[in-house]
Amino acid sequence: MQLIDRFGQWLWRNHAARKTVIRPIFKRLSRRPAADYPFECEFFGLRYQGNLNNNIDFAVYFFGAFEKPVLFFLRDTLQKLVPDRSGIFVDIGANVGQHSLFMSQFSASVHAFEPYPPVREVFERRRARNQLENIEIYPVGLSDHKAVLPFYAPIGRNKGAGSFDKSSLAKGNVASDELQLERGDEHSALLGLSDLHLIKIDVEGFEKPALLGLSGVLTKHRPVLVFELTYNCSNSVESLDELRALFPPHYEFRVFKRRDAKGRLTRRQNARARFTGEYRTEPLVRLLASGQDDIIAIPAEKISALGL
């Protein structure tokens, strides 16, 4: 085992520039519990300190960003809605902060919610490293009521897989500390906003309680939302009608076009998009039986402004 670790460290020190050659090797090496391959790189005008033993950081180093098509959609959407960069972005389930860091370059202010200390502390260090004063980080999760609930923490490379959803235990998470949840409509940061243009939600199966707790915010501000919808878990949305009921009237729903007519991932297209950030969307016509999808919810009156 020590020989493997030493080989990985030697390779990292001597051949880090050959990304296309060593990426498959590091994908395997970084899965080891003791893997430690720190780096710092440029990230859309910012400095990004990471480690290849983290899924998000791995993607940032080798592809330029994690979920680059989603990032670019968020950027393009906010720029179309608010061209003068006075837009307000809310990041619910901010994790290690990649989405918030990126969007801070295109927003007047970013309000980020992350209850899990290990990833939130990484985010806070990155904010400090870049001296970003337009990002506020709140150490709570959002739900449909105020509570302190058990958090189910990830144990692998995907530090963003933690959840308040108990069914995530089946995916390998472990019971951790109890963490604070607030109702979105009652949180002081959201109550004090004069406007709110764009929300991203990634809460690993807890999106239904999060959306229910934002009903007043959605009615008042009618923002565009991009949220990861997790299927086949204890809090799953079971139908399109149930999804529509979580939103005020006259919202329309789209999905990133990543699957073929039979619901299978189009691997070649998705692999290319990791590098280019290209994206296509289409109307959401059905939910999947399992897995996850990024759903886009758009007020009908903003459809034309987005060119959709």
C-alpha atoms as a PDB file:
ATOM      1  CA  MET A   1       0.000   0.000   0.000  1.00  0.00           C
ATOM      2  CA  GLN A   2       2.821   2.410   0.831  1.00  0.00           C
ATOM      3  CA  LEU A   3       4.394   1.740  -2.552  1.00  0.00           C
ATOM      4  CA  ILE A   4       1.120   2.705  -4.266  1.00  0.00           C
ATOM      5  CA  ASP A   5       0.935   5.921  -2.269  1.00  0.00           C
ATOM      6  CA  ARG A   6       4.567   6.758  -3.040  1.00  0.00           C
ATOM      7  CA  PHE A   7       4.022   6.081  -6.737  1.00  0.00           C
ATOM      8  CA  GLY A   8       0.992   8.378  -6.757  1.00  0.00           C
ATOM      9  CA  GLN A   9       2.889  11.172  -5.021  1.00  0.00           C
ATOM     10  CA  TRP A  10       5.843  10.801  -7.425  1.00  0.00           C
ATOM     11  CA  LEU A  11       3.525  10.849 -10.437  1.00  0.00           C
ATOM     12  CA  TRP A  12       1.719  13.914  -9.133  1.00  0.00           C
ATOM     13  CA  ARG A  13       4.934  15.843  -8.508  1.00  0.00           C
ATOM     14  CA  ASN A  14       6.559  14.930 -11.799  1.00  0.00           C
ATOM     15  CA  HIS A  15       3.789  14.598 -14.379  1.00  0.00           C
ATOM     16  CA  ALA A  16       0.892  16.773 -13.240  1.00  0.00           C
ATOM     17  CA  ALA A  17       0.911  18.697 -16.528  1.00  0.00           C
ATOM     18  CA  ARG A  18       0.080  15.593 -18.571  1.00  0.00           C
ATOM     19  CA  LYS A  19      -3.577  15.686 -17.580  1.00  0.00           C
ATOM     20  CA  THR A  20      -4.996  13.689 -20.440  1.00  0.00           C
ATOM     21  CA  VAL A  21      -2.517  10.888 -19.791  1.00  0.00           C
ATOM     22  CA  ILE A  22      -2.661  10.675 -16.003  1.00  0.00           C
ATOM     23  CA  ARG A  23      -6.374  11.367 -15.486  1.00  0.00           C
ATOM     24  CA  PRO A  24      -7.422   7.681 -15.659  1.00  0.00           C
ATOM     25  CA  ILE A  25      -4.579   6.759 -13.298  1.00  0.00           C
ATOM     26  CA  PHE A  26      -5.491   9.404 -10.775  1.00  0.00           C
ATOM     27  CA  LYS A  27      -9.143   8.489 -10.980  1.00  0.00           C
ATOM     28  CA  ARG A  28      -8.135   5.149  -9.517  1.00  0.00           C
ATOM     29  CA  LEU A  29      -5.442   6.366  -7.142  1.00  0.00           C
ATOM     30  CA  SER A  30      -7.628   9.102  -5.655  1.00  0.00           C
ATOM     31  CA  ARG A  31     -10.229   6.546  -4.545  1.00  0.00           C
ATOM     32  CA  ARG A  32      -7.864   5.292  -1.864  1.00  0.00           C
ATOM     33  CA  PRO A  33      -8.805   6.415   1.682  1.00  0.00           C
ATOM     34  CA  ALA A  34      -5.309   7.826   2.259  1.00  0.00           C
ATOM     35  CA  ALA A  35      -5.053   9.587  -1.114  1.00  0.00           C
ATOM     36  CA  ASP A  36      -3.630  13.084  -0.800  1.00  0.00           C
ATOM     37  CA  TYR A  37      -2.980  15.086  -3.982  1.00  0.00           C
ATOM     38  CA  PRO A  38      -3.401  18.805  -3.220  1.00  0.00           C
ATOM     39  CA  PHE A  39      -3.335  21.454  -5.924  1.00  0.00           C
ATOM     40  CA  GLU A  40      -4.112  25.073  -6.635  1.00  0.00           C
ATOM     41  CA  CYS A  41      -5.318  26.195 -10.055  1.00  0.00           C
ATOM     42  CA  GLU A  42      -6.988  29.069 -11.852  1.00  0.00           C
ATOM     43  CA  PHE A  43     -10.792  28.955 -11.727  1.00  0.00           C
ATOM     44  CA  PHE A  44     -12.538  31.565 -13.894  1.00  0.00           C
ATOM     45  CA  GLY A  45     -10.350  34.358 -12.583  1.00  0.00           C
ATOM     46  CA  LEU A  46     -10.189  32.981  -9.043  1.00  0.00           C
ATOM     47  CA  ARG A  47      -7.701  30.738  -7.254  1.00  0.00           C
ATOM     48  CA  TYR A  48      -9.014  27.271  -6.400  1.00  0.00           C
ATOM     49  CA  GLN A  49      -7.276  25.133  -3.786  1.00  0.00           C
ATOM     50  CA  GLY A  50      -8.371  21.512  -3.872  1.00  0.00           C
ATOM     51  CA  ASN A  51      -7.406  17.880  -3.598  1.00  0.00           C
ATOM     52  CA  LEU A  52      -7.875  15.134  -6.161  1.00  0.00           C
ATOM     53  CA  ASN A  53      -9.386  12.904  -3.463  1.00  0.00           C
ATOM     54  CA  ASN A  54     -12.597  14.952  -3.763  1.00  0.00           C
ATOM     55  CA  ASN A  55     -14.962  14.399  -6.710  1.00  0.00           C
ATOM     56  CA  ILE A  56     -15.684  18.089  -7.240  1.00  0.00           C
ATOM     57  CA  ASP A  57     -12.024  19.102  -6.996  1.00  0.00           C
ATOM     58  CA  PHE A  58     -11.044  16.283  -9.372  1.00  0.00           C
ATOM     59  CA  ALA A  59     -13.433  17.689 -11.977  1.00  0.00           C
ATOM     60  CA  VAL A  60     -12.207  21.249 -11.424  1.00  0.00           C
ATOM     61  CA  TYR A  61      -8.591  20.217 -12.030  1.00  0.00           C
ATOM     62  CA  PHE A  62      -9.118  17.961 -15.035  1.00  0.00           C
ATOM     63  CA  PHE A  63     -12.180  19.525 -16.717  1.00  0.00           C
ATOM     64  CA  GLY A  64     -12.073  23.122 -15.513  1.00  0.00           C
ATOM     65  CA  ALA A  65     -15.208  22.798 -13.370  1.00  0.00           C
ATOM     66  CA  PHE A  66     -17.663  20.351 -11.864  1.00  0.00           C
ATOM     67  CA  GLU A  67     -21.001  20.225 -13.720  1.00  0.00           C
ATOM     68  CA  LYS A  68     -19.735  22.861 -16.148  1.00  0.00           C
ATOM     69  CA  PRO A  69     -22.945  22.837 -18.272  1.00  0.00           C
ATOM     70  CA  VAL A  70     -25.018  23.643 -15.172  1.00  0.00           C
ATOM     71  CA  LEU A  71     -22.597  26.395 -14.179  1.00  0.00           C
ATOM     72  CA  PHE A  72     -22.755  27.954 -17.627  1.00  0.00           C
ATOM     73  CA  PHE A  73     -26.549  27.759 -17.671  1.00  0.00           C
ATOM     74  CA  LEU A  74     -26.674  29.545 -14.301  1.00  0.00           C
ATOM     75  CA  ARG A  75     -24.303  32.230 -15.579  1.00  0.00           C
ATOM     76  CA  ASP A  76     -26.166  32.724 -18.851  1.00  0.00           C
ATOM     77  CA  THR A  77     -29.532  32.821 -17.108  1.00  0.00           C
ATOM     78  CA  LEU A  78     -28.518  35.479 -14.604  1.00  0.00           C
ATOM     79  CA  GLN A  79     -26.875  37.590 -17.295  1.00  0.00           C
ATOM     80  CA  LYS A  80     -30.029  37.470 -19.418  1.00  0.00           C
ATOM     81  CA  LEU A  81     -32.284  38.309 -16.480  1.00  0.00           C
ATOM     82  CA  VAL A  82     -30.042  41.030 -15.019  1.00  0.00           C
ATOM     83  CA  PRO A  83     -27.469  42.223 -17.593  1.00  0.00           C
ATOM     84  CA  ASP A  84     -25.883  44.808 -15.261  1.00  0.00           C
ATOM     85  CA  ARG A  85     -24.600  42.157 -12.794  1.00  0.00           C
ATOM     86  CA  SER A  86     -26.918  43.349 -10.038  1.00  0.00           C
ATOM     87  CA  GLY A  87     -28.522  39.904  -9.770  1.00  0.00           C
ATOM     88  CA  ILE A  88     -29.008  37.928  -6.549  1.00  0.00           C
ATOM     89  CA  PHE A  89     -28.059  34.244  -6.486  1.00  0.00           C
ATOM     90  CA  VAL A  90     -29.025  31.779  -3.724  1.00  0.00           C
ATOM     91  CA  ASP A  91     -27.126  28.506  -3.355  1.00  0.00           C
ATOM     92  CA  ILE A  92     -28.924  25.908  -1.205  1.00  0.00           C
ATOM     93  CA  GLY A  93     -26.666  22.969  -0.484  1.00  0.00           C
ATOM     94  CA  ALA A  94     -23.517  24.908  -1.344  1.00  0.00           C
ATOM     95  CA  ASN A  95     -21.082  22.098  -0.454  1.00  0.00           C
ATOM     96  CA  VAL A  96     -17.447  23.189  -0.915  1.00  0.00           C
ATOM     97  CA  GLY A  97     -18.617  26.323  -2.693  1.00  0.00           C
ATOM     98  CA  GLN A  98     -17.761  25.752  -6.352  1.00  0.00           C
ATOM     99  CA  HIS A  99     -21.108  27.049  -7.698  1.00  0.00           C
ATOM    100  CA  SER A 100     -21.096  30.067  -5.371  1.00  0.00           C
ATOM    101  CA  LEU A 101     -17.495  30.971  -6.188  1.00  0.00           C
ATOM    102  CA  PHE A 102     -18.265  30.855  -9.897  1.00  0.00           C
ATOM    103  CA  MET A 103     -21.509  32.830  -9.606  1.00  0.00           C
ATOM    104  CA  SER A 104     -19.884  35.488  -7.409  1.00  0.00           C
ATOM    105  CA  GLN A 105     -18.250  36.752 -10.606  1.00  0.00           C
ATOM    106  CA  PHE A 106     -21.646  37.463 -12.187  1.00  0.00           C
ATOM    107  CA  SER A 107     -23.790  38.462  -9.173  1.00  0.00           C
ATOM    108  CA  ALA A 108     -24.138  41.437  -6.900  1.00  0.00           C
ATOM    109  CA  SER A 109     -24.444  39.023  -3.986  1.00  0.00           C
ATOM    110  CA  VAL A 110     -24.503  35.298  -3.290  1.00  0.00           C
ATOM    111  CA  HIS A 111     -26.349  33.774  -0.331  1.00  0.00           C
ATOM    112  CA  ALA A 112     -25.105  30.245   0.331  1.00  0.00           C
ATOM    113  CA  PHE A 113     -26.572  27.693   2.742  1.00  0.00           C
ATOM    114  CA  GLU A 114     -24.452  24.734   3.895  1.00  0.00           C
ATOM    115  CA  PRO A 115     -25.039  22.965   7.228  1.00  0.00           C
ATOM    116  CA  TYR A 116     -22.309  20.278   7.068  1.00  0.00           C
ATOM    117  CA  PRO A 117     -19.152  21.677   8.752  1.00  0.00           C
ATOM    118  CA  PRO A 118     -16.416  19.697   6.901  1.00  0.00           C
ATOM    119  CA  VAL A 119     -17.441  21.006   3.475  1.00  0.00           C
ATOM    120  CA  ARG A 120     -18.579  24.429   4.694  1.00  0.00           C
ATOM    121  CA  GLU A 121     -15.162  25.074   6.243  1.00  0.00           C
ATOM    122  CA  VAL A 122     -13.492  24.319   2.890  1.00  0.00           C
ATOM    123  CA  PHE A 123     -15.875  26.805   1.265  1.00  0.00           C
ATOM    124  CA  GLU A 124     -15.047  29.455   3.864  1.00  0.00           C
ATOM    125  CA  ARG A 125     -11.307  29.044   3.239  1.00  0.00           C
ATOM    126  CA  ARG A 126     -11.843  29.438  -0.501  1.00  0.00           C
ATOM    127  CA  ARG A 127     -13.903  32.572   0.011  1.00  0.00           C
ATOM    128  CA  ALA A 128     -11.120  33.996   2.197  1.00  0.00           C
ATOM    129  CA  ARG A 129      -8.395  32.940  -0.256  1.00  0.00           C
ATOM    130  CA  ASN A 130     -10.115  35.007  -2.965  1.00  0.00           C
ATOM    131  CA  GLN A 131     -11.193  37.847  -0.674  1.00  0.00           C
ATOM    132  CA  LEU A 132     -14.766  37.627  -1.908  1.00  0.00           C
ATOM    133  CA  GLU A 133     -16.965  40.040  -0.015  1.00  0.00           C
ATOM    134  CA  ASN A 134     -20.163  39.411  -1.985  1.00  0.00           C
ATOM    135  CA  ILE A 135     -20.670  35.850  -0.666  1.00  0.00           C
ATOM    136  CA  GLU A 136     -22.536  35.224   2.587  1.00  0.00           C
ATOM    137  CA  ILE A 137     -22.395  31.681   4.001  1.00  0.00           C
ATOM    138  CA  TYR A 138     -25.059  30.463   6.441  1.00  0.00           C
ATOM    139  CA  PRO A 139     -24.357  27.332   8.555  1.00  0.00           C
ATOM    140  CA  VAL A 140     -27.862  25.871   8.226  1.00  0.00           C
ATOM    141  CA  GLY A 141     -29.916  23.786   5.840  1.00  0.00           C
ATOM    142  CA  LEU A 142     -33.353  24.786   4.568  1.00  0.00           C
ATOM    143  CA  SER A 143     -36.555  22.807   5.062  1.00  0.00           C
ATOM    144  CA  ASP A 144     -40.313  23.291   5.482  1.00  0.00           C
ATOM    145  CA  HIS A 145     -39.970  23.789   9.250  1.00  0.00           C
ATOM    146  CA  LYS A 146     -37.338  24.699  11.800  1.00  0.00           C
ATOM    147  CA  ALA A 147     -35.709  21.581  13.257  1.00  0.00           C
ATOM    148  CA  VAL A 148     -32.524  19.880  14.384  1.00  0.00           C
ATOM    149  CA  LEU A 149     -32.231  16.577  12.539  1.00  0.00           C
ATOM    150  CA  PRO A 150     -29.639  13.813  12.110  1.00  0.00           C
ATOM    151  CA  PHE A 151     -27.354  14.325   9.143  1.00  0.00           C
ATOM    152  CA  TYR A 152     -26.178  11.346   7.118  1.00  0.00           C
ATOM    153  CA  ALA A 153     -22.601  12.036   6.124  1.00  0.00           C
ATOM    154  CA  PRO A 154     -20.720  10.727   3.079  1.00  0.00           C
ATOM    155  CA  ILE A 155     -17.685   8.508   3.597  1.00  0.00           C
ATOM    156  CA  GLY A 156     -16.164   8.434   0.103  1.00  0.00           C
ATOM    157  CA  ARG A 157     -14.766  10.903  -2.427  1.00  0.00           C
ATOM    158  CA  ASN A 158     -18.153  12.490  -3.078  1.00  0.00           C
ATOM    159  CA  LYS A 159     -18.292  14.922  -0.156  1.00  0.00           C
ATOM    160  CA  GLY A 160     -21.492  16.380  -1.590  1.00  0.00           C
ATOM    161  CA  ALA A 161     -23.524  13.220  -1.014  1.00  0.00           C
ATOM    162  CA  GLY A 162     -24.416  14.077   2.591  1.00  0.00           C
ATOM    163  CA  SER A 163     -28.126  14.417   3.280  1.00  0.00           C
ATOM    164  CA  PHE A 164     -30.871  14.816   5.857  1.00  0.00           C
ATOM    165  CA  ASP A 165     -32.688  12.034   4.002  1.00  0.00           C
ATOM    166  CA  LYS A 166     -32.337   8.796   5.987  1.00  0.00           C
ATOM    167  CA  SER A 167     -32.656   6.670   2.857  1.00  0.00           C
ATOM    168  CA  SER A 168     -29.170   7.904   1.852  1.00  0.00           C
ATOM    169  CA  LEU A 169     -27.854   5.269   4.286  1.00  0.00           C
ATOM    170  CA  ALA A 170     -28.511   2.757   1.511  1.00  0.00           C
ATOM    171  CA  LYS A 171     -26.012   4.653  -0.664  1.00  0.00           C
ATOM    172  CA  GLY A 172     -23.248   4.315   1.925  1.00  0.00           C
ATOM    173  CA  ASN A 173     -23.757   7.414   4.074  1.00  0.00           C
ATOM    174  CA  VAL A 174     -23.391   7.108   7.849  1.00  0.00           C
ATOM    175  CA  ALA A 175     -25.331   8.761  10.666  1.00  0.00           C
ATOM    176  CA  SER A 176     -23.502  11.854  11.889  1.00  0.00           C
ATOM    177  CA  ASP A 177     -24.267  14.812  14.144  1.00  0.00           C
ATOM    178  CA  GLU A 178     -27.603  16.550  14.310  1.00  0.00           C
ATOM    179  CA  LEU A 179     -27.599  19.771  12.293  1.00  0.00           C
ATOM    180  CA  GLN A 180     -29.798  22.852  12.126  1.00  0.00           C
ATOM    181  CA  LEU A 181     -32.553  23.345   9.585  1.00  0.00           C
ATOM    182  CA  GLU A 182     -34.512  26.579   9.087  1.00  0.00           C
ATOM    183  CA  ARG A 183     -37.655  27.287   7.117  1.00  0.00           C
ATOM    184  CA  GLY A 184     -36.565  29.210   4.044  1.00  0.00           C
ATOM    185  CA  ASP A 185     -39.452  31.658   4.172  1.00  0.00           C
ATOM    186  CA  GLU A 186     -38.470  32.617   7.727  1.00  0.00           C
ATOM    187  CA  HIS A 187     -34.716  32.935   7.324  1.00  0.00           C
ATOM    188  CA  SER A 188     -33.581  36.508   7.942  1.00  0.00           C
ATOM    189  CA  ALA A 189     -31.261  36.565   4.925  1.00  0.00           C
ATOM    190  CA  LEU A 190     -34.075  35.698   2.518  1.00  0.00           C
ATOM    191  CA  LEU A 191     -36.593  37.935   4.274  1.00  0.00           C
ATOM    192  CA  GLY A 192     -34.296  40.910   3.812  1.00  0.00           C
ATOM    193  CA  LEU A 193     -33.803  40.547   0.077  1.00  0.00           C
ATOM    194  CA  SER A 194     -35.456  43.192  -2.077  1.00  0.00           C
ATOM    195  CA  ASP A 195     -35.133  40.893  -5.066  1.00  0.00           C
ATOM    196  CA  LEU A 196     -33.998  37.361  -5.843  1.00  0.00           C
ATOM    197  CA  HIS A 197     -33.351  36.186  -9.379  1.00  0.00           C
ATOM    198  CA  LEU A 198     -31.851  32.704  -9.350  1.00  0.00           C
ATOM    199  CA  ILE A 199     -31.753  29.731  -6.956  1.00  0.00           C
ATOM    200  CA  LYS A 200     -29.732  26.531  -7.169  1.00  0.00           C
ATOM    201  CA  ILE A 201     -30.699  23.596  -4.921  1.00  0.00           C
ATOM    202  CA  ASP A 202     -28.618  20.448  -4.434  1.00  0.00           C
ATOM    203  CA  VAL A 203     -29.639  18.726  -1.209  1.00  0.00           C
ATOM    204  CA  GLU A 204     -29.444  15.022  -2.085  1.00  0.00           C
ATOM    205  CA  GLY A 205     -33.032  13.860  -1.753  1.00  0.00           C
ATOM    206  CA  PHE A 206     -34.232  16.633   0.583  1.00  0.00           C
ATOM    207  CA  GLU A 207     -35.418  18.942  -2.190  1.00  0.00           C
ATOM    208  CA  LYS A 208     -39.146  18.548  -1.501  1.00  0.00           C
ATOM    209  CA  PRO A 209     -38.935  19.889   2.090  1.00  0.00           C
ATOM    210  CA  ALA A 210     -36.587  22.640   0.875  1.00  0.00           C
ATOM    211  CA  LEU A 211     -39.018  23.721  -1.855  1.00  0.00           C
ATOM    212  CA  LEU A 212     -42.025  23.595   0.480  1.00  0.00           C
ATOM    213  CA  GLY A 213     -40.205  25.905   2.867  1.00  0.00           C
ATOM    214  CA  LEU A 214     -39.588  28.430   0.083  1.00  0.00           C
ATOM    215  CA  SER A 215     -43.216  28.799  -1.024  1.00  0.00           C
ATOM    216  CA  GLY A 216     -43.418  32.423   0.095  1.00  0.00           C
ATOM    217  CA  VAL A 217     -40.057  33.308  -1.456  1.00  0.00           C
ATOM    218  CA  LEU A 218     -41.085  31.764  -4.771  1.00  0.00           C
ATOM    219  CA  THR A 219     -44.424  33.598  -4.762  1.00  0.00           C
ATOM    220  CA  LYS A 220     -42.857  36.957  -3.905  1.00  0.00           C
ATOM    221  CA  HIS A 221     -39.762  36.924  -6.136  1.00  0.00           C
ATOM    222  CA  ARG A 222     -40.607  34.334  -8.811  1.00  0.00           C
ATOM    223  CA  PRO A 223     -36.968  33.355  -9.383  1.00  0.00           C
ATOM    224  CA  VAL A 224     -35.629  30.824 -11.847  1.00  0.00           C
ATOM    225  CA  LEU A 225     -34.563  27.612 -10.085  1.00  0.00           C
ATOM    226  CA  VAL A 226     -32.125  24.867 -11.028  1.00  0.00           C
ATOM    227  CA  PHE A 227     -32.433  21.942  -8.665  1.00  0.00           C
ATOM    228  CA  GLU A 228     -31.234  18.381  -8.543  1.00  0.00           C
ATOM    229  CA  LEU A 229     -34.204  16.046  -8.213  1.00  0.00           C
ATOM    230  CA  THR A 230     -33.473  12.682  -6.588  1.00  0.00           C
ATOM    231  CA  TYR A 231     -35.795   9.824  -7.451  1.00  0.00           C
ATOM    232  CA  ASN A 232     -36.740   6.746  -5.471  1.00  0.00           C
ATOM    233  CA  CYS A 233     -35.954   8.017  -1.970  1.00  0.00           C
ATOM    234  CA  SER A 234     -38.094   8.717   1.102  1.00  0.00           C
ATOM    235  CA  ASN A 235     -38.753  12.348   0.094  1.00  0.00           C
ATOM    236  CA  SER A 236     -39.092  11.744  -3.637  1.00  0.00           C
ATOM    237  CA  VAL A 237     -41.475  13.662  -5.859  1.00  0.00           C
ATOM    238  CA  GLU A 238     -43.678  10.975  -7.380  1.00  0.00           C
ATOM    239  CA  SER A 239     -45.284  12.751 -10.330  1.00  0.00           C
ATOM    240  CA  LEU A 240     -45.244  15.867 -12.477  1.00  0.00           C
ATOM    241  CA  ASP A 241     -48.424  17.027 -10.776  1.00  0.00           C
ATOM    242  CA  GLU A 242     -46.740  16.765  -7.385  1.00  0.00           C
ATOM    243  CA  LEU A 243     -43.766  18.702  -8.716  1.00  0.00           C
ATOM    244  CA  ARG A 244     -45.977  21.469 -10.094  1.00  0.00           C
ATOM    245  CA  ALA A 245     -47.771  21.702  -6.748  1.00  0.00           C
ATOM    246  CA  LEU A 246     -44.482  22.703  -5.077  1.00  0.00           C
ATOM    247  CA  PHE A 247     -44.417  25.913  -7.135  1.00  0.00           C
ATOM    248  CA  PRO A 248     -46.670  28.941  -7.551  1.00  0.00           C
ATOM    249  CA  PRO A 249     -48.891  29.035 -10.657  1.00  0.00           C
ATOM    250  CA  HIS A 250     -47.437  29.592 -14.115  1.00  0.00           C
ATOM    251  CA  TYR A 251     -44.058  27.944 -13.681  1.00  0.00           C
ATOM    252  CA  GLU A 252     -42.755  25.844 -16.564  1.00  0.00           C
ATOM    253  CA  PHE A 253     -40.240  23.018 -16.257  1.00  0.00           C
ATOM    254  CA  ARG A 254     -37.325  21.980 -18.404  1.00  0.00           C
ATOM    255  CA  VAL A 255     -34.521  19.455 -18.088  1.00  0.00           C
ATOM    256  CA  PHE A 256     -30.979  19.331 -19.399  1.00  0.00           C
ATOM    257  CA  LYS A 257     -30.924  17.116 -22.467  1.00  0.00           C
ATOM    258  CA  ARG A 258     -28.586  14.325 -21.385  1.00  0.00           C
ATOM    259  CA  ARG A 259     -30.633  11.239 -22.212  1.00  0.00           C
ATOM    260  CA  ASP A 260     -31.952   9.608 -25.351  1.00  0.00           C
ATOM    261  CA  ALA A 261     -35.594   8.758 -26.037  1.00  0.00           C
ATOM    262  CA  LYS A 262     -35.342   5.671 -23.803  1.00  0.00           C
ATOM    263  CA  GLY A 263     -33.918   7.596 -20.850  1.00  0.00           C
ATOM    264  CA  ARG A 264     -30.343   6.385 -21.307  1.00  0.00           C
ATOM    265  CA  LEU A 265     -27.446   8.759 -20.764  1.00  0.00           C
ATOM    266  CA  THR A 266     -25.876   9.951 -23.999  1.00  0.00           C
ATOM    267  CA  ARG A 267     -22.315   9.283 -22.887  1.00  0.00           C
ATOM    268  CA  ARG A 268     -20.404  10.828 -25.790  1.00  0.00           C
ATOM    269  CA  GLN A 269     -22.316  14.102 -25.591  1.00  0.00           C
ATOM    270  CA  ASN A 270     -21.959  14.284 -21.809  1.00  0.00           C
ATOM    271  CA  ALA A 271     -18.246  13.526 -21.943  1.00  0.00           C
ATOM    272  CA  ARG A 272     -17.679  16.385 -24.403  1.00  0.00           C
ATOM    273  CA  ALA A 273     -19.790  18.756 -22.312  1.00  0.00           C
ATOM    274  CA  ARG A 274     -17.511  18.211 -19.308  1.00  0.00           C
ATOM    275  CA  PHE A 275     -14.853  20.174 -21.171  1.00  0.00           C
ATOM    276  CA  THR A 276     -16.924  22.609 -23.243  1.00  0.00           C
ATOM    277  CA  GLY A 277     -19.789  23.388 -20.872  1.00  0.00           C
ATOM    278  CA  GLU A 278     -22.239  23.173 -23.761  1.00  0.00           C
ATOM    279  CA  TYR A 279     -25.822  22.472 -22.762  1.00  0.00           C
ATOM    280  CA  ARG A 280     -29.232  21.948 -24.281  1.00  0.00           C
ATOM    281  CA  THR A 281     -32.564  21.945 -22.511  1.00  0.00           C
ATOM    282  CA  GLU A 282     -35.953  20.521 -23.379  1.00  0.00           C
ATOM    283  CA  PRO A 283     -39.405  20.501 -21.765  1.00  0.00           C
ATOM    284  CA  LEU A 284     -39.779  18.123 -18.844  1.00  0.00           C
ATOM    285  CA  VAL A 285     -42.388  15.577 -19.930  1.00  0.00           C
ATOM    286  CA  ARG A 286     -41.844  12.756 -17.447  1.00  0.00           C
ATOM    287  CA  LEU A 287     -39.962  11.890 -14.298  1.00  0.00           C
ATOM    288  CA  LEU A 288     -37.485   9.046 -14.135  1.00  0.00           C
ATOM    289  CA  ALA A 289     -37.924   5.921 -12.022  1.00  0.00           C
ATOM    290  CA  SER A 290     -34.519   6.273 -10.349  1.00  0.00           C
ATOM    291  CA  GLY A 291     -31.325   8.291 -10.330  1.00  0.00           C
ATOM    292  CA  GLN A 292     -31.116  12.086 -10.424  1.00  0.00           C
ATOM    293  CA  ASP A 293     -31.827  14.888 -12.877  1.00  0.00           C
ATOM    294  CA  ASP A 294     -31.223  18.630 -12.875  1.00  0.00           C
ATOM    295  CA  ILE A 295     -34.601  20.316 -13.301  1.00  0.00           C
ATOM    296  CA  ILE A 296     -35.081  23.917 -14.393  1.00  0.00           C
ATOM    297  CA  ALA A 297     -38.161  25.779 -13.132  1.00  0.00           C
ATOM    298  CA  ILE A 298     -38.917  29.035 -14.945  1.00  0.00           C
ATOM    299  CA  PRO A 299     -41.741  31.536 -14.406  1.00  0.00           C
ATOM    300  CA  ALA A 300     -43.735  31.736 -17.633  1.00  0.00           C
ATOM    301  CA  GLU A 301     -43.190  35.489 -17.874  1.00  0.00           C
ATOM    302  CA  LYS A 302     -39.391  34.971 -18.007  1.00  0.00           C
ATOM    303  CA  ILE A 303     -39.321  32.292 -20.708  1.00  0.00           C
ATOM    304  CA  SER A 304     -38.879  34.752 -23.566  1.00  0.00           C
ATOM    305  CA  ALA A 305     -36.095  36.652 -21.797  1.00  0.00           C
ATOM    306  CA  LEU A 306     -34.136  33.397 -21.594  1.00  0.00           C
ATOM    307  CA  GLY A 307     -34.735  32.616 -25.256  1.00  0.00           C
ATOM    308  CA  LEU A 308     -36.435  29.301 -24.489  1.00  0.00           C
END
